[in-house]
Amino acid sequence: MSETLHINWTRCDGRGLCTELLPAVLGRDDWGYPVIRHPGNGDGTNAAIGPDDARAARDAVKLCPKLALSLQAWAEIQ
């Protein structure tokens, strides 16, 4: 099972806490908003979270002051 971090752009105001907790996953644009470093399928809203970043992603979701982040679990079918 893998997780995907979803950014709700209507709630985000670019405070940057998520980028500090997930530097390998998220960078910042010129205005401080998170930018997904390796977007899948050209999607700038969802970032794949690997096992090494899962705990930090959960912390980012909990600590986001604007509640702009959520995690979605995806079952990988092999």
PDB file of N, CA and C in Angstrom:
ATOM      1  N   MET A   1       0.852  -1.173   0.000  1.00  0.00           N
ATOM      2  CA  MET A   1       0.000   0.000   0.000  1.00  0.00           C
ATOM      3  C   MET A   1       0.900   1.238   0.000  1.00  0.00           C
ATOM      4  N   SER A   2       0.598   2.175  -0.884  1.00  0.00           N
ATOM      5  CA  SER A   2       1.337   3.435  -0.924  1.00  0.00           C
ATOM      6  C   SER A   2       0.371   4.571  -0.614  1.00  0.00           C
ATOM      7  N   GLU A   3       0.939   5.721  -0.317  1.00  0.00           N
ATOM      8  CA  GLU A   3       0.115   6.877   0.015  1.00  0.00           C
ATOM      9  C   GLU A   3       0.380   8.013  -0.960  1.00  0.00           C
ATOM     10  N   THR A   4      -0.627   8.851  -1.121  1.00  0.00           N
ATOM     11  CA  THR A   4      -0.528  10.032  -1.964  1.00  0.00           C
ATOM     12  C   THR A   4      -0.898  11.247  -1.127  1.00  0.00           C
ATOM     13  N   LEU A   5      -0.052  12.256  -1.172  1.00  0.00           N
ATOM     14  CA  LEU A   5      -0.324  13.516  -0.486  1.00  0.00           C
ATOM     15  C   LEU A   5      -1.083  14.420  -1.446  1.00  0.00           C
ATOM     16  N   HIS A   6      -2.245  14.872  -1.037  1.00  0.00           N
ATOM     17  CA  HIS A   6      -3.073  15.754  -1.864  1.00  0.00           C
ATOM     18  C   HIS A   6      -3.013  17.169  -1.305  1.00  0.00           C
ATOM     19  N   ILE A   7      -2.796  18.133  -2.195  1.00  0.00           N
ATOM     20  CA  ILE A   7      -2.776  19.548  -1.812  1.00  0.00           C
ATOM     21  C   ILE A   7      -4.058  20.204  -2.302  1.00  0.00           C
ATOM     22  N   ASN A   8      -4.817  20.768  -1.393  1.00  0.00           N
ATOM     23  CA  ASN A   8      -6.035  21.500  -1.732  1.00  0.00           C
ATOM     24  C   ASN A   8      -5.629  22.963  -1.938  1.00  0.00           C
ATOM     25  N   TRP A   9      -5.514  23.366  -3.190  1.00  0.00           N
ATOM     26  CA  TRP A   9      -4.997  24.694  -3.510  1.00  0.00           C
ATOM     27  C   TRP A   9      -5.909  25.827  -3.059  1.00  0.00           C
ATOM     28  N   THR A  10      -7.185  25.590  -2.902  1.00  0.00           N
ATOM     29  CA  THR A  10      -8.066  26.667  -2.450  1.00  0.00           C
ATOM     30  C   THR A  10      -7.861  26.977  -0.966  1.00  0.00           C
ATOM     31  N   ARG A  11      -7.317  26.038  -0.226  1.00  0.00           N
ATOM     32  CA  ARG A  11      -7.048  26.275   1.201  1.00  0.00           C
ATOM     33  C   ARG A  11      -5.625  26.739   1.470  1.00  0.00           C
ATOM     34  N   CYS A  12      -4.679  26.318   0.648  1.00  0.00           N
ATOM     35  CA  CYS A  12      -3.260  26.593   0.898  1.00  0.00           C
ATOM     36  C   CYS A  12      -2.968  28.089   0.788  1.00  0.00           C
ATOM     37  N   ASP A  13      -2.186  28.601   1.759  1.00  0.00           N
ATOM     38  CA  ASP A  13      -1.766  30.001   1.642  1.00  0.00           C
ATOM     39  C   ASP A  13      -0.248  30.149   1.671  1.00  0.00           C
ATOM     40  N   GLY A  14       0.454  29.048   1.421  1.00  0.00           N
ATOM     41  CA  GLY A  14       1.897  29.109   1.214  1.00  0.00           C
ATOM     42  C   GLY A  14       2.727  29.359   2.445  1.00  0.00           C
ATOM     43  N   ARG A  15       2.340  28.831   3.579  1.00  0.00           N
ATOM     44  CA  ARG A  15       3.139  29.038   4.790  1.00  0.00           C
ATOM     45  C   ARG A  15       4.428  28.226   4.781  1.00  0.00           C
ATOM     46  N   GLY A  16       4.438  27.075   4.077  1.00  0.00           N
ATOM     47  CA  GLY A  16       5.672  26.337   3.841  1.00  0.00           C
ATOM     48  C   GLY A  16       6.066  25.282   4.847  1.00  0.00           C
ATOM     49  N   LEU A  17       5.268  25.042   5.872  1.00  0.00           N
ATOM     50  CA  LEU A  17       5.619  24.017   6.849  1.00  0.00           C
ATOM     51  C   LEU A  17       5.769  22.650   6.183  1.00  0.00           C
ATOM     52  N   CYS A  18       4.890  22.332   5.248  1.00  0.00           N
ATOM     53  CA  CYS A  18       4.947  21.032   4.565  1.00  0.00           C
ATOM     54  C   CYS A  18       6.256  20.872   3.804  1.00  0.00           C
ATOM     55  N   THR A  19       6.768  21.944   3.233  1.00  0.00           N
ATOM     56  CA  THR A  19       8.013  21.850   2.471  1.00  0.00           C
ATOM     57  C   THR A  19       9.208  21.621   3.391  1.00  0.00           C
ATOM     58  N   GLU A  20       9.109  22.099   4.621  1.00  0.00           N
ATOM     59  CA  GLU A  20      10.175  21.865   5.589  1.00  0.00           C
ATOM     60  C   GLU A  20      10.151  20.428   6.092  1.00  0.00           C
ATOM     61  N   LEU A  21       8.961  19.854   6.228  1.00  0.00           N
ATOM     62  CA  LEU A  21       8.840  18.478   6.704  1.00  0.00           C
ATOM     63  C   LEU A  21       9.112  17.451   5.605  1.00  0.00           C
ATOM     64  N   LEU A  22       8.876  17.820   4.350  1.00  0.00           N
ATOM     65  CA  LEU A  22       9.022  16.898   3.218  1.00  0.00           C
ATOM     66  C   LEU A  22       9.913  17.488   2.125  1.00  0.00           C
ATOM     67  N   PRO A  23      11.164  17.805   2.430  1.00  0.00           N
ATOM     68  CA  PRO A  23      12.012  18.465   1.436  1.00  0.00           C
ATOM     69  C   PRO A  23      12.315  17.616   0.204  1.00  0.00           C
ATOM     70  N   ALA A  24      12.274  16.292   0.323  1.00  0.00           N
ATOM     71  CA  ALA A  24      12.527  15.428  -0.834  1.00  0.00           C
ATOM     72  C   ALA A  24      11.318  15.350  -1.759  1.00  0.00           C
ATOM     73  N   VAL A  25      10.138  15.683  -1.228  1.00  0.00           N
ATOM     74  CA  VAL A  25       8.885  15.576  -1.978  1.00  0.00           C
ATOM     75  C   VAL A  25       8.418  16.938  -2.486  1.00  0.00           C
ATOM     76  N   LEU A  26       8.570  17.965  -1.645  1.00  0.00           N
ATOM     77  CA  LEU A  26       8.037  19.292  -1.959  1.00  0.00           C
ATOM     78  C   LEU A  26       9.117  20.362  -1.935  1.00  0.00           C
ATOM     79  N   GLY A  27       9.067  21.246  -2.903  1.00  0.00           N
ATOM     80  CA  GLY A  27       9.883  22.450  -2.900  1.00  0.00           C
ATOM     81  C   GLY A  27       8.945  23.640  -2.766  1.00  0.00           C
ATOM     82  N   ARG A  28       9.477  24.852  -2.934  1.00  0.00           N
ATOM     83  CA  ARG A  28       8.648  26.061  -2.867  1.00  0.00           C
ATOM     84  C   ARG A  28       8.802  26.874  -4.145  1.00  0.00           C
ATOM     85  N   ASP A  29       7.697  27.514  -4.525  1.00  0.00           N
ATOM     86  CA  ASP A  29       7.791  28.433  -5.653  1.00  0.00           C
ATOM     87  C   ASP A  29       8.211  29.806  -5.129  1.00  0.00           C
ATOM     88  N   ASP A  30       8.214  30.799  -5.997  1.00  0.00           N
ATOM     89  CA  ASP A  30       8.670  32.145  -5.610  1.00  0.00           C
ATOM     90  C   ASP A  30       7.801  32.801  -4.542  1.00  0.00           C
ATOM     91  N   TRP A  31       6.577  32.345  -4.374  1.00  0.00           N
ATOM     92  CA  TRP A  31       5.659  32.928  -3.402  1.00  0.00           C
ATOM     93  C   TRP A  31       5.512  32.082  -2.147  1.00  0.00           C
ATOM     94  N   GLY A  32       6.267  30.990  -2.053  1.00  0.00           N
ATOM     95  CA  GLY A  32       6.245  30.138  -0.870  1.00  0.00           C
ATOM     96  C   GLY A  32       5.290  28.961  -0.933  1.00  0.00           C
ATOM     97  N   TYR A  33       4.567  28.834  -2.039  1.00  0.00           N
ATOM     98  CA  TYR A  33       3.630  27.716  -2.166  1.00  0.00           C
ATOM     99  C   TYR A  33       4.389  26.423  -2.481  1.00  0.00           C
ATOM    100  N   PRO A  34       3.867  25.284  -2.002  1.00  0.00           N
ATOM    101  CA  PRO A  34       4.542  24.021  -2.266  1.00  0.00           C
ATOM    102  C   PRO A  34       4.480  23.633  -3.742  1.00  0.00           C
ATOM    103  N   VAL A  35       5.573  23.055  -4.206  1.00  0.00           N
ATOM    104  CA  VAL A  35       5.673  22.542  -5.573  1.00  0.00           C
ATOM    105  C   VAL A  35       6.122  21.093  -5.459  1.00  0.00           C
ATOM    106  N   ILE A  36       5.401  20.203  -6.105  1.00  0.00           N
ATOM    107  CA  ILE A  36       5.758  18.800  -6.060  1.00  0.00           C
ATOM    108  C   ILE A  36       7.001  18.590  -6.927  1.00  0.00           C
ATOM    109  N   ARG A  37       8.030  18.039  -6.323  1.00  0.00           N
ATOM    110  CA  ARG A  37       9.310  17.883  -7.034  1.00  0.00           C
ATOM    111  C   ARG A  37       9.235  16.899  -8.193  1.00  0.00           C
ATOM    112  N   HIS A  38       8.496  15.803  -8.032  1.00  0.00           N
ATOM    113  CA  HIS A  38       8.403  14.780  -9.073  1.00  0.00           C
ATOM    114  C   HIS A  38       6.935  14.436  -9.311  1.00  0.00           C
ATOM    115  N   PRO A  39       6.197  15.346  -9.956  1.00  0.00           N
ATOM    116  CA  PRO A  39       4.768  15.077 -10.174  1.00  0.00           C
ATOM    117  C   PRO A  39       4.553  13.907 -11.125  1.00  0.00           C
ATOM    118  N   GLY A  40       3.593  13.088 -10.789  1.00  0.00           N
ATOM    119  CA  GLY A  40       3.245  11.964 -11.655  1.00  0.00           C
ATOM    120  C   GLY A  40       2.129  12.354 -12.603  1.00  0.00           C
ATOM    121  N   ASN A  41       2.240  11.943 -13.828  1.00  0.00           N
ATOM    122  CA  ASN A  41       1.200  12.205 -14.836  1.00  0.00           C
ATOM    123  C   ASN A  41       0.912  13.694 -15.014  1.00  0.00           C
ATOM    124  N   GLY A  42       1.897  14.549 -14.760  1.00  0.00           N
ATOM    125  CA  GLY A  42       1.700  15.982 -14.927  1.00  0.00           C
ATOM    126  C   GLY A  42       0.787  16.598 -13.890  1.00  0.00           C
ATOM    127  N   ASP A  43       0.550  15.869 -12.812  1.00  0.00           N
ATOM    128  CA  ASP A  43      -0.382  16.306 -11.771  1.00  0.00           C
ATOM    129  C   ASP A  43       0.364  17.113 -10.711  1.00  0.00           C
ATOM    130  N   GLY A  44       0.048  18.365 -10.559  1.00  0.00           N
ATOM    131  CA  GLY A  44       0.681  19.198  -9.553  1.00  0.00           C
ATOM    132  C   GLY A  44      -0.091  19.251  -8.255  1.00  0.00           C
ATOM    133  N   THR A  45      -1.050  18.365  -8.085  1.00  0.00           N
ATOM    134  CA  THR A  45      -1.895  18.357  -6.900  1.00  0.00           C
ATOM    135  C   THR A  45      -1.622  17.168  -5.986  1.00  0.00           C
ATOM    136  N   ASN A  46      -1.117  16.073  -6.537  1.00  0.00           N
ATOM    137  CA  ASN A  46      -0.893  14.849  -5.775  1.00  0.00           C
ATOM    138  C   ASN A  46       0.558  14.401  -5.881  1.00  0.00           C
ATOM    139  N   ALA A  47       1.136  14.046  -4.721  1.00  0.00           N
ATOM    140  CA  ALA A  47       2.515  13.580  -4.678  1.00  0.00           C
ATOM    141  C   ALA A  47       2.565  12.190  -4.070  1.00  0.00           C
ATOM    142  N   ALA A  48       3.276  11.290  -4.738  1.00  0.00           N
ATOM    143  CA  ALA A  48       3.470   9.955  -4.191  1.00  0.00           C
ATOM    144  C   ALA A  48       4.386  10.048  -2.978  1.00  0.00           C
ATOM    145  N   ILE A  49       4.011   9.356  -1.922  1.00  0.00           N
ATOM    146  CA  ILE A  49       4.784   9.347  -0.682  1.00  0.00           C
ATOM    147  C   ILE A  49       5.378   7.964  -0.490  1.00  0.00           C
ATOM    148  N   GLY A  50       6.683   7.901  -0.413  1.00  0.00           N
ATOM    149  CA  GLY A  50       7.363   6.634  -0.179  1.00  0.00           C
ATOM    150  C   GLY A  50       7.375   6.292   1.302  1.00  0.00           C
ATOM    151  N   PRO A  51       7.751   5.070   1.639  1.00  0.00           N
ATOM    152  CA  PRO A  51       7.756   4.640   3.035  1.00  0.00           C
ATOM    153  C   PRO A  51       8.647   5.504   3.932  1.00  0.00           C
ATOM    154  N   ASP A  52       9.748   6.019   3.385  1.00  0.00           N
ATOM    155  CA  ASP A  52      10.664   6.840   4.184  1.00  0.00           C
ATOM    156  C   ASP A  52      10.060   8.186   4.568  1.00  0.00           C
ATOM    157  N   ASP A  53       9.088   8.658   3.785  1.00  0.00           N
ATOM    158  CA  ASP A  53       8.483   9.965   4.034  1.00  0.00           C
ATOM    159  C   ASP A  53       7.083   9.879   4.642  1.00  0.00           C
ATOM    160  N   ALA A  54       6.600   8.677   4.900  1.00  0.00           N
ATOM    161  CA  ALA A  54       5.216   8.495   5.365  1.00  0.00           C
ATOM    162  C   ALA A  54       4.952   9.205   6.693  1.00  0.00           C
ATOM    163  N   ARG A  55       5.859   9.065   7.636  1.00  0.00           N
ATOM    164  CA  ARG A  55       5.652   9.707   8.946  1.00  0.00           C
ATOM    165  C   ARG A  55       5.661  11.233   8.825  1.00  0.00           C
ATOM    166  N   ALA A  56       6.606  11.766   8.069  1.00  0.00           N
ATOM    167  CA  ALA A  56       6.673  13.218   7.879  1.00  0.00           C
ATOM    168  C   ALA A  56       5.435  13.721   7.150  1.00  0.00           C
ATOM    169  N   ALA A  57       4.913  12.936   6.219  1.00  0.00           N
ATOM    170  CA  ALA A  57       3.695  13.334   5.502  1.00  0.00           C
ATOM    171  C   ALA A  57       2.508  13.393   6.460  1.00  0.00           C
ATOM    172  N   ARG A  58       2.398  12.412   7.341  1.00  0.00           N
ATOM    173  CA  ARG A  58       1.310  12.441   8.336  1.00  0.00           C
ATOM    174  C   ARG A  58       1.451  13.654   9.256  1.00  0.00           C
ATOM    175  N   ASP A  59       2.678  13.973   9.639  1.00  0.00           N
ATOM    176  CA  ASP A  59       2.917  15.159  10.473  1.00  0.00           C
ATOM    177  C   ASP A  59       2.527  16.431   9.721  1.00  0.00           C
ATOM    178  N   ALA A  60       2.868  16.511   8.445  1.00  0.00           N
ATOM    179  CA  ALA A  60       2.527  17.697   7.646  1.00  0.00           C
ATOM    180  C   ALA A  60       1.013  17.876   7.569  1.00  0.00           C
ATOM    181  N   VAL A  61       0.290  16.784   7.382  1.00  0.00           N
ATOM    182  CA  VAL A  61      -1.177  16.852   7.327  1.00  0.00           C
ATOM    183  C   VAL A  61      -1.726  17.365   8.651  1.00  0.00           C
ATOM    184  N   LYS A  62      -1.229  16.833   9.750  1.00  0.00           N
ATOM    185  CA  LYS A  62      -1.715  17.230  11.084  1.00  0.00           C
ATOM    186  C   LYS A  62      -1.379  18.678  11.415  1.00  0.00           C
ATOM    187  N   LEU A  63      -0.203  19.134  10.971  1.00  0.00           N
ATOM    188  CA  LEU A  63       0.280  20.455  11.369  1.00  0.00           C
ATOM    189  C   LEU A  63      -0.059  21.584  10.394  1.00  0.00           C
ATOM    190  N   CYS A  64      -0.617  21.257   9.239  1.00  0.00           N
ATOM    191  CA  CYS A  64      -0.944  22.306   8.273  1.00  0.00           C
ATOM    192  C   CYS A  64      -1.957  23.274   8.891  1.00  0.00           C
ATOM    193  N   PRO A  65      -1.594  24.547   9.034  1.00  0.00           N
ATOM    194  CA  PRO A  65      -2.494  25.494   9.696  1.00  0.00           C
ATOM    195  C   PRO A  65      -3.772  25.798   8.903  1.00  0.00           C
ATOM    196  N   LYS A  66      -3.764  25.532   7.608  1.00  0.00           N
ATOM    197  CA  LYS A  66      -4.940  25.814   6.777  1.00  0.00           C
ATOM    198  C   LYS A  66      -5.703  24.548   6.380  1.00  0.00           C
ATOM    199  N   LEU A  67      -5.269  23.380   6.907  1.00  0.00           N
ATOM    200  CA  LEU A  67      -5.906  22.093   6.599  1.00  0.00           C
ATOM    201  C   LEU A  67      -5.967  21.852   5.089  1.00  0.00           C
ATOM    202  N   ALA A  68      -4.881  22.195   4.411  1.00  0.00           N
ATOM    203  CA  ALA A  68      -4.836  22.091   2.955  1.00  0.00           C
ATOM    204  C   ALA A  68      -4.268  20.765   2.462  1.00  0.00           C
ATOM    205  N   LEU A  69      -3.846  19.900   3.379  1.00  0.00           N
ATOM    206  CA  LEU A  69      -3.231  18.637   2.993  1.00  0.00           C
ATOM    207  C   LEU A  69      -4.066  17.461   3.441  1.00  0.00           C
ATOM    208  N   SER A  70      -4.035  16.389   2.658  1.00  0.00           N
ATOM    209  CA  SER A  70      -4.661  15.132   3.073  1.00  0.00           C
ATOM    210  C   SER A  70      -3.859  13.982   2.467  1.00  0.00           C
ATOM    211  N   LEU A  71      -3.967  12.831   3.115  1.00  0.00           N
ATOM    212  CA  LEU A  71      -3.302  11.621   2.622  1.00  0.00           C
ATOM    213  C   LEU A  71      -4.348  10.641   2.152  1.00  0.00           C
ATOM    214  N   GLN A  72      -4.056  10.016   1.041  1.00  0.00           N
ATOM    215  CA  GLN A  72      -4.940   8.990   0.498  1.00  0.00           C
ATOM    216  C   GLN A  72      -4.113   7.729   0.321  1.00  0.00           C
ATOM    217  N   ALA A  73      -4.645   6.616   0.794  1.00  0.00           N
ATOM    218  CA  ALA A  73      -3.946   5.337   0.639  1.00  0.00           C
ATOM    219  C   ALA A  73      -4.389   4.679  -0.656  1.00  0.00           C
ATOM    220  N   TRP A  74      -3.433   4.133  -1.366  1.00  0.00           N
ATOM    221  CA  TRP A  74      -3.712   3.442  -2.628  1.00  0.00           C
ATOM    222  C   TRP A  74      -3.129   2.058  -2.543  1.00  0.00           C
ATOM    223  N   ALA A  75      -3.919   1.057  -2.803  1.00  0.00           N
ATOM    224  CA  ALA A  75      -3.444  -0.319  -2.839  1.00  0.00           C
ATOM    225  C   ALA A  75      -2.774  -0.567  -4.183  1.00  0.00           C
ATOM    226  N   GLU A  76      -1.587  -1.101  -4.145  1.00  0.00           N
ATOM    227  CA  GLU A  76      -0.882  -1.403  -5.381  1.00  0.00           C
ATOM    228  C   GLU A  76      -1.235  -2.819  -5.804  1.00  0.00           C
ATOM    229  N   ILE A  77      -1.737  -2.967  -7.002  1.00  0.00           N
ATOM    230  CA  ILE A  77      -2.107  -4.275  -7.528  1.00  0.00           C
ATOM    231  C   ILE A  77      -0.938  -4.784  -8.362  1.00  0.00           C
ATOM    232  N   GLN A  78      -0.460  -5.961  -8.024  1.00  0.00           N
ATOM    233  CA  GLN A  78       0.686  -6.525  -8.740  1.00  0.00           C
ATOM    234  C   GLN A  78       0.276  -7.699  -9.554  1.00  0.00           C
TER     235      GLN A  78
END
